[in-house]
Protein backbone atom coordinates (compact mmCIF):
# COMPACT_ATOMS: atom_id res chain seq x y z
CA MET A 1 0.00 0.00 0.00
CA LYS A 2 1.29 3.44 -0.95
CA TYR A 3 0.16 6.85 0.27
CA LEU A 4 0.39 9.92 -1.95
CA ASP A 5 -0.06 13.50 -0.78
CA LEU A 6 -1.81 15.45 -3.53
CA THR A 7 -1.69 18.71 -1.58
CA HIS A 8 0.43 21.78 -2.23
CA THR A 9 2.12 23.27 0.85
CA ILE A 10 0.53 26.57 1.86
CA HIS A 11 2.52 29.78 2.24
CA SER A 12 1.99 33.44 1.41
CA THR A 13 3.41 33.43 -2.13
CA ILE A 14 1.73 30.40 -3.71
CA PRO A 15 -0.30 31.02 -6.89
CA SER A 16 -3.83 32.34 -6.49
CA TRP A 17 -6.68 33.68 -8.58
CA ASP A 18 -6.16 37.34 -7.71
CA GLY A 19 -2.45 37.25 -6.89
CA THR A 20 -2.83 37.07 -3.13
CA THR A 21 -3.70 34.20 -0.81
CA GLY A 22 -4.48 36.44 2.12
CA PHE A 23 -2.28 34.03 4.05
CA ASP A 24 -0.53 35.10 7.20
CA LEU A 25 0.74 33.05 10.12
CA PRO A 26 1.54 35.53 12.90
CA THR A 27 2.98 34.34 16.19
CA VAL A 28 0.96 35.83 19.02
CA PHE A 29 2.89 34.14 21.86
CA ASP A 30 6.41 32.75 21.58
CA TYR A 31 8.70 30.39 23.46
CA ASN A 32 10.72 33.17 25.08
CA GLN A 33 7.58 34.64 26.58
CA GLY A 34 6.68 31.56 28.55
CA THR A 35 7.75 30.11 31.86
CA ALA A 36 9.82 26.93 31.86
CA PRO A 37 9.14 24.10 31.49
CA ASP A 38 5.89 25.06 29.70
CA LEU A 39 7.40 26.89 26.74
CA MET A 40 5.21 27.12 23.66
CA ARG A 41 4.43 28.98 20.49
CA VAL A 42 0.86 30.12 19.67
CA GLN A 43 -0.11 31.23 16.17
CA GLU A 44 -3.10 32.61 14.29
CA ILE A 45 -3.98 31.54 10.76
CA HIS A 46 -5.38 34.02 8.23
CA PHE A 47 -6.23 32.92 4.68
CA HIS A 48 -8.62 33.03 1.74
CA GLY A 49 -10.93 30.04 1.36
CA ALA A 50 -9.77 29.33 -2.20
CA MET A 51 -6.13 28.91 -1.27
CA GLY A 52 -3.74 26.22 -2.43
CA THR A 53 -5.26 22.80 -2.98
CA HIS A 54 -8.86 23.60 -2.15
CA MET A 55 -12.48 22.59 -2.55
CA ASP A 56 -15.51 24.45 -3.87
CA SER A 57 -18.78 23.33 -2.31
CA PRO A 58 -22.13 23.59 -4.12
CA ALA A 59 -22.97 26.74 -2.14
CA HIS A 60 -20.06 28.53 -3.83
CA PHE A 61 -22.33 29.01 -6.86
CA VAL A 62 -25.79 27.97 -5.66
CA GLU A 63 -27.55 29.93 -2.94
CA GLY A 64 -28.95 27.61 -0.28
CA ALA A 65 -26.95 24.59 -1.45
CA LYS A 66 -24.61 22.54 0.72
CA THR A 67 -21.71 24.30 2.37
CA ILE A 68 -18.42 22.61 3.21
CA GLU A 69 -19.43 21.16 6.58
CA LYS A 70 -22.54 19.51 5.11
CA LEU A 71 -20.76 17.40 2.51
CA GLU A 72 -21.15 13.70 3.32
CA LEU A 73 -18.08 11.60 4.03
CA GLU A 74 -19.34 9.10 1.46
CA SER A 75 -18.69 11.68 -1.24
CA LEU A 76 -15.31 12.75 0.17
CA ILE A 77 -13.82 9.26 0.48
CA GLY A 78 -13.90 6.93 -2.48
CA ASP A 79 -12.52 5.80 -5.78
CA CYS A 80 -10.49 8.04 -8.04
CA VAL A 81 -9.63 8.00 -11.72
CA VAL A 82 -6.98 10.20 -13.33
CA ILE A 83 -7.37 11.27 -16.93
CA LYS A 84 -3.92 12.35 -18.11
CA VAL A 85 -3.70 14.92 -20.90
CA ASP A 86 -0.30 16.40 -20.03
CA HIS A 87 1.20 15.12 -23.28
CA GLU A 88 -0.99 17.50 -25.30
CA ALA A 89 -2.19 20.23 -22.94
CA ASP A 90 -1.09 23.84 -23.33
CA GLU A 91 -2.44 27.17 -22.08
CA ASN A 92 -5.32 27.06 -24.59
CA TYR A 93 -6.22 23.40 -24.07
CA VAL A 94 -9.84 22.58 -23.26
CA ILE A 95 -10.74 19.07 -22.13
CA MET A 96 -13.56 17.82 -24.36
CA PRO A 97 -16.01 14.92 -23.89
CA SER A 98 -14.03 12.88 -26.43
CA THR A 99 -11.16 12.73 -23.92
CA VAL A 100 -13.41 11.09 -21.34
CA GLU A 101 -14.90 8.76 -23.94
CA ALA A 102 -11.43 7.63 -25.04
CA PHE A 103 -10.48 7.02 -21.40
CA GLU A 104 -13.61 4.92 -20.87
CA LYS A 105 -12.93 2.92 -24.01
CA ASP A 106 -9.62 1.83 -22.48
CA HIS A 107 -10.60 1.58 -18.81
CA GLY A 108 -14.36 1.09 -18.65
CA THR A 109 -17.20 3.41 -17.77
CA ILE A 110 -16.46 5.69 -14.82
CA LYS A 111 -18.33 4.38 -11.78
CA PRO A 112 -20.67 6.44 -9.59
CA ASN A 113 -19.19 8.28 -6.60
CA THR A 114 -15.78 8.60 -8.26
CA LEU A 115 -13.56 11.66 -8.04
CA VAL A 116 -12.38 12.37 -11.58
CA ILE A 117 -9.03 14.18 -11.70
CA PHE A 118 -7.67 15.75 -14.86
CA TYR A 119 -3.87 15.84 -14.91
CA THR A 120 -2.71 18.50 -17.36
CA GLY A 121 0.86 18.88 -16.12
CA TRP A 122 0.25 22.57 -15.40
CA GLU A 123 1.60 22.16 -11.85
CA LYS A 124 5.08 22.44 -13.38
CA TYR A 125 4.55 26.21 -13.09
CA TRP A 126 3.50 26.13 -9.42
CA GLU A 127 6.77 27.64 -8.22
CA THR A 128 6.39 30.56 -10.66
CA PRO A 129 2.99 32.01 -9.69
CA ALA A 130 2.77 34.56 -12.50
CA GLN A 131 3.26 31.82 -15.09
CA TYR A 132 0.82 29.52 -13.30
CA GLN A 133 -1.87 32.21 -13.27
CA ASN A 134 -0.81 33.27 -16.78
CA ASN A 135 -3.47 35.98 -17.15
CA PHE A 136 -6.12 33.27 -16.78
CA LYS A 137 -4.84 31.16 -19.66
CA PHE A 138 -4.39 27.56 -18.53
CA PRO A 139 -5.86 24.14 -19.36
CA SER A 140 -9.54 23.94 -18.49
CA VAL A 141 -12.65 21.78 -18.86
CA HIS A 142 -15.49 22.17 -21.37
CA GLU A 143 -19.03 22.43 -20.04
CA ASP A 144 -20.11 19.40 -22.10
CA THR A 145 -17.37 17.35 -20.44
CA ALA A 146 -18.71 18.29 -17.03
CA LYS A 147 -22.21 17.31 -18.12
CA LEU A 148 -20.96 13.94 -19.39
CA LEU A 149 -19.29 13.27 -16.04
CA LEU A 150 -22.50 14.18 -14.23
CA GLU A 151 -24.23 11.46 -16.24
CA ARG A 152 -21.77 9.08 -14.55
CA ASN A 153 -22.86 10.45 -11.14
CA ILE A 154 -19.33 11.36 -10.09
CA SER A 155 -18.68 12.66 -6.59
CA GLY A 156 -16.51 15.52 -7.78
CA LEU A 157 -14.14 16.87 -10.40
CA GLY A 158 -10.51 17.78 -9.77
CA ILE A 159 -7.81 19.51 -11.78
CA ASP A 160 -4.18 20.61 -11.36
CA THR A 161 -4.82 24.22 -12.43
CA LEU A 162 -6.27 27.28 -10.68
CA SER A 163 -9.76 26.33 -11.82
CA ALA A 164 -11.78 24.04 -14.04
CA ASP A 165 -12.92 27.27 -15.76
CA THR A 166 -10.59 30.05 -16.87
CA GLY A 167 -13.40 32.54 -16.32
CA VAL A 168 -12.80 34.16 -19.70
CA HIS A 169 -16.21 32.98 -20.91
CA GLY A 170 -17.82 32.61 -17.51
CA PHE A 171 -17.90 29.65 -15.15
CA SER A 172 -20.09 27.07 -16.86
CA VAL A 173 -18.27 24.07 -15.37
CA HIS A 174 -18.71 25.48 -11.88
CA ARG A 175 -22.40 26.04 -12.55
CA ALA A 176 -22.84 22.51 -13.87
CA ILE A 177 -20.85 20.58 -11.26
CA LEU A 178 -21.81 22.63 -8.21
CA GLY A 179 -25.36 23.03 -9.46
CA ALA A 180 -25.67 19.23 -9.42
CA GLY A 181 -24.63 19.10 -5.76
CA LYS A 182 -21.11 17.85 -6.51
CA TYR A 183 -17.79 19.50 -5.63
CA LEU A 184 -14.64 20.78 -7.31
CA VAL A 185 -11.04 20.35 -6.16
CA GLU A 186 -8.50 22.71 -7.72
CA ASN A 187 -4.71 23.12 -7.62
CA ILE A 188 -4.14 19.39 -7.12
CA ALA A 189 -0.49 18.39 -6.69
CA HIS A 190 1.36 15.31 -7.99
CA ALA A 191 -1.63 13.79 -9.79
CA GLY A 192 0.77 12.48 -12.42
CA GLU A 193 2.11 10.01 -9.85
CA LEU A 194 -1.30 8.35 -9.49
CA PRO A 195 -2.36 5.32 -11.50
CA VAL A 196 -5.20 6.10 -13.88
CA THR A 197 -7.48 3.74 -11.94
CA GLY A 198 -7.35 1.84 -8.67
CA ALA A 199 -6.59 4.62 -6.18
CA LYS A 200 -8.80 5.76 -3.35
CA VAL A 201 -8.83 9.38 -2.22
CA PHE A 202 -9.59 11.22 0.98
CA VAL A 203 -10.74 14.80 0.38
CA MET A 204 -10.49 16.49 3.78
CA PRO A 205 -11.57 20.15 3.95
CA LEU A 206 -11.61 22.20 7.13
CA LYS A 207 -15.05 21.64 8.66
CA ILE A 208 -16.07 25.29 8.84
CA LYS A 209 -19.74 26.16 9.31
CA ASP A 210 -21.24 28.02 6.32
CA ALA A 211 -17.95 27.96 4.34
CA VAL A 212 -18.38 27.75 0.58
CA GLU A 213 -14.66 27.03 -0.05
CA SER A 214 -11.88 25.52 2.02
CA PRO A 215 -8.28 24.35 1.70
CA VAL A 216 -8.12 20.56 1.73
CA ARG A 217 -5.62 17.88 2.57
CA LEU A 218 -5.98 15.57 -0.40
CA VAL A 219 -4.48 12.11 0.10
CA ALA A 220 -4.59 9.04 -2.13
CA VAL A 221 -4.11 5.42 -1.17
CA VAL A 222 -2.83 3.14 -3.91
């Protein structure tokens, strides 16, 4: 059994949608302020919800829909498939339904309650945030592809870019996936190390009441 961490480490200069994560980790009480032997450090954590490897809940786009803390564990823990398009993806690449259909021809129909991850290879720019953000030009997913996956009753859709949508023509994939009560996971790390089938994933967001987005610890078991 092998464990893979699919989570980017969080710090203040990682790529983000608007160029800032809002992340700060101030120390409010430090070791030299304590009394021996009970020396300690106490910190606060400040951040944007859509920071690093993170999840969008249905309520992110649908008023009254499920927020982060209401997502069932059954949808957060389960099978995973990885559709790898890194050999052909560039900044203008859009993942079409034919890509999913070709995958299913080789590996069988995607089963219900599966997290489908698209690996585009875009994470190679993670350490250069301006290139990763790239003025909102990065591999993305077509709305019809999202709708095809919803026919398979997936649990969620994941990608190794800032977003499944670039936003240039709106957020149709967000509307489709989140509107169907599913979730999105964005900025996934190391998905290329996963087998295309056979892995199980644990999608663990912070359980924050009424949150529409949250950083996640995304772990796969192979």
